[in-house]
Amino acid sequence: MKTYEVIKETFIPCSGSQLPDNREILELRLEDPAKYVQEQYMRERSVEYLATEHNGVEVIEALLEGGRKHRYTFSEL
């Protein structure tokens, strides 16, 4: 298991802003960041996941119905 600083950002399309509507910073011990994100949305009807890496930092976006988007940024500590 590895320890990560996780930044979770929530974007809601109705606000009209390109900035996140909500931001949380967490410290988590995880085996697999992608599995963690998928477990957060098991009850959603439709989810599309996009995973990228920027300068060694893993970024996973969960795109939900209605244009909602949640972005998780995982930085290993």
C-alpha atoms as a PDB file:
ATOM      1  CA  MET A   1       0.000   0.000   0.000  1.00  0.00           C
ATOM      2  CA  LYS A   2       1.093   3.519  -0.741  1.00  0.00           C
ATOM      3  CA  THR A   3       0.117   6.794   0.906  1.00  0.00           C
ATOM      4  CA  TYR A   4      -1.320   9.501  -1.345  1.00  0.00           C
ATOM      5  CA  GLU A   5      -2.414  13.075  -1.013  1.00  0.00           C
ATOM      6  CA  VAL A   6      -5.690  13.078  -2.939  1.00  0.00           C
ATOM      7  CA  ILE A   7      -7.296  16.248  -4.246  1.00  0.00           C
ATOM      8  CA  LYS A   8     -10.948  15.660  -5.139  1.00  0.00           C
ATOM      9  CA  GLU A   9     -12.572  18.397  -7.222  1.00  0.00           C
ATOM     10  CA  THR A  10     -16.261  18.496  -8.140  1.00  0.00           C
ATOM     11  CA  PHE A  11     -17.491  20.348 -11.227  1.00  0.00           C
ATOM     12  CA  ILE A  12     -21.214  21.022 -11.742  1.00  0.00           C
ATOM     13  CA  PRO A  13     -22.175  22.239 -15.241  1.00  0.00           C
ATOM     14  CA  CYS A  14     -25.039  24.477 -14.042  1.00  0.00           C
ATOM     15  CA  SER A  15     -22.667  26.889 -12.322  1.00  0.00           C
ATOM     16  CA  GLY A  16     -21.139  28.035 -15.631  1.00  0.00           C
ATOM     17  CA  SER A  17     -17.690  28.269 -14.045  1.00  0.00           C
ATOM     18  CA  GLN A  18     -14.564  26.452 -15.214  1.00  0.00           C
ATOM     19  CA  LEU A  19     -13.369  26.351 -11.592  1.00  0.00           C
ATOM     20  CA  PRO A  20     -14.312  23.469  -9.276  1.00  0.00           C
ATOM     21  CA  ASP A  21     -17.459  23.963  -7.220  1.00  0.00           C
ATOM     22  CA  ASN A  22     -15.997  21.951  -4.353  1.00  0.00           C
ATOM     23  CA  ARG A  23     -12.479  20.809  -3.421  1.00  0.00           C
ATOM     24  CA  GLU A  24     -11.342  18.355  -0.746  1.00  0.00           C
ATOM     25  CA  ILE A  25      -7.816  17.300   0.197  1.00  0.00           C
ATOM     26  CA  LEU A  26      -7.428  13.835   1.720  1.00  0.00           C
ATOM     27  CA  GLU A  27      -4.557  11.606   2.808  1.00  0.00           C
ATOM     28  CA  LEU A  28      -5.290   7.967   1.935  1.00  0.00           C
ATOM     29  CA  ARG A  29      -3.446   4.639   1.955  1.00  0.00           C
ATOM     30  CA  LEU A  30      -4.409   2.793  -1.219  1.00  0.00           C
ATOM     31  CA  GLU A  31      -3.422  -0.280  -3.202  1.00  0.00           C
ATOM     32  CA  ASP A  32      -4.853   1.034  -6.478  1.00  0.00           C
ATOM     33  CA  PRO A  33      -6.078   4.629  -7.029  1.00  0.00           C
ATOM     34  CA  ALA A  34      -8.186   3.628 -10.069  1.00  0.00           C
ATOM     35  CA  LYS A  35     -10.022   0.971  -8.072  1.00  0.00           C
ATOM     36  CA  TYR A  36     -10.662   3.510  -5.286  1.00  0.00           C
ATOM     37  CA  VAL A  37     -12.294   5.932  -7.741  1.00  0.00           C
ATOM     38  CA  GLN A  38     -14.420   3.193  -9.329  1.00  0.00           C
ATOM     39  CA  GLU A  39     -15.670   2.108  -5.891  1.00  0.00           C
ATOM     40  CA  GLN A  40     -16.920   5.664  -5.239  1.00  0.00           C
ATOM     41  CA  TYR A  41     -19.384   5.449  -8.154  1.00  0.00           C
ATOM     42  CA  MET A  42     -20.679   1.872  -8.003  1.00  0.00           C
ATOM     43  CA  ARG A  43     -24.274   3.107  -7.600  1.00  0.00           C
ATOM     44  CA  GLU A  44     -24.209   5.487 -10.560  1.00  0.00           C
ATOM     45  CA  ARG A  45     -26.052   4.365 -13.693  1.00  0.00           C
ATOM     46  CA  SER A  46     -23.526   5.708 -16.152  1.00  0.00           C
ATOM     47  CA  VAL A  47     -19.898   6.659 -15.486  1.00  0.00           C
ATOM     48  CA  GLU A  48     -17.005   7.216 -17.884  1.00  0.00           C
ATOM     49  CA  TYR A  49     -13.471   7.234 -16.478  1.00  0.00           C
ATOM     50  CA  LEU A  50     -10.534   9.125 -17.952  1.00  0.00           C
ATOM     51  CA  ALA A  51      -7.049   8.520 -16.551  1.00  0.00           C
ATOM     52  CA  THR A  52      -3.995  10.636 -17.353  1.00  0.00           C
ATOM     53  CA  GLU A  53      -0.629  11.375 -15.835  1.00  0.00           C
ATOM     54  CA  HIS A  54       0.959  14.827 -15.473  1.00  0.00           C
ATOM     55  CA  ASN A  55       4.562  15.076 -14.233  1.00  0.00           C
ATOM     56  CA  GLY A  56       4.304  11.748 -12.373  1.00  0.00           C
ATOM     57  CA  VAL A  57       0.966  12.625 -10.768  1.00  0.00           C
ATOM     58  CA  GLU A  58      -2.005  10.389 -11.585  1.00  0.00           C
ATOM     59  CA  VAL A  59      -5.266  12.183 -12.486  1.00  0.00           C
ATOM     60  CA  ILE A  60      -8.550  10.273 -12.798  1.00  0.00           C
ATOM     61  CA  GLU A  61     -11.798  11.928 -13.874  1.00  0.00           C
ATOM     62  CA  ALA A  62     -15.231  10.405 -13.387  1.00  0.00           C
ATOM     63  CA  LEU A  63     -17.753  11.813 -15.864  1.00  0.00           C
ATOM     64  CA  LEU A  64     -21.315  11.316 -14.628  1.00  0.00           C
ATOM     65  CA  GLU A  65     -24.790  11.807 -16.092  1.00  0.00           C
ATOM     66  CA  GLY A  66     -25.909  15.393 -16.477  1.00  0.00           C
ATOM     67  CA  GLY A  67     -22.400  16.630 -17.199  1.00  0.00           C
ATOM     68  CA  ARG A  68     -21.160  16.325 -13.614  1.00  0.00           C
ATOM     69  CA  LYS A  69     -17.430  15.684 -13.305  1.00  0.00           C
ATOM     70  CA  HIS A  70     -15.278  14.619 -10.370  1.00  0.00           C
ATOM     71  CA  ARG A  71     -11.499  14.885 -10.710  1.00  0.00           C
ATOM     72  CA  TYR A  72      -9.095  13.010  -8.419  1.00  0.00           C
ATOM     73  CA  THR A  73      -5.411  13.936  -8.342  1.00  0.00           C
ATOM     74  CA  PHE A  74      -3.147  11.374  -6.615  1.00  0.00           C
ATOM     75  CA  SER A  75       0.282  12.527  -5.411  1.00  0.00           C
ATOM     76  CA  GLU A  76       2.346   9.866  -3.699  1.00  0.00           C
ATOM     77  CA  LEU A  77       3.740  10.975  -0.330  1.00  0.00           C
END
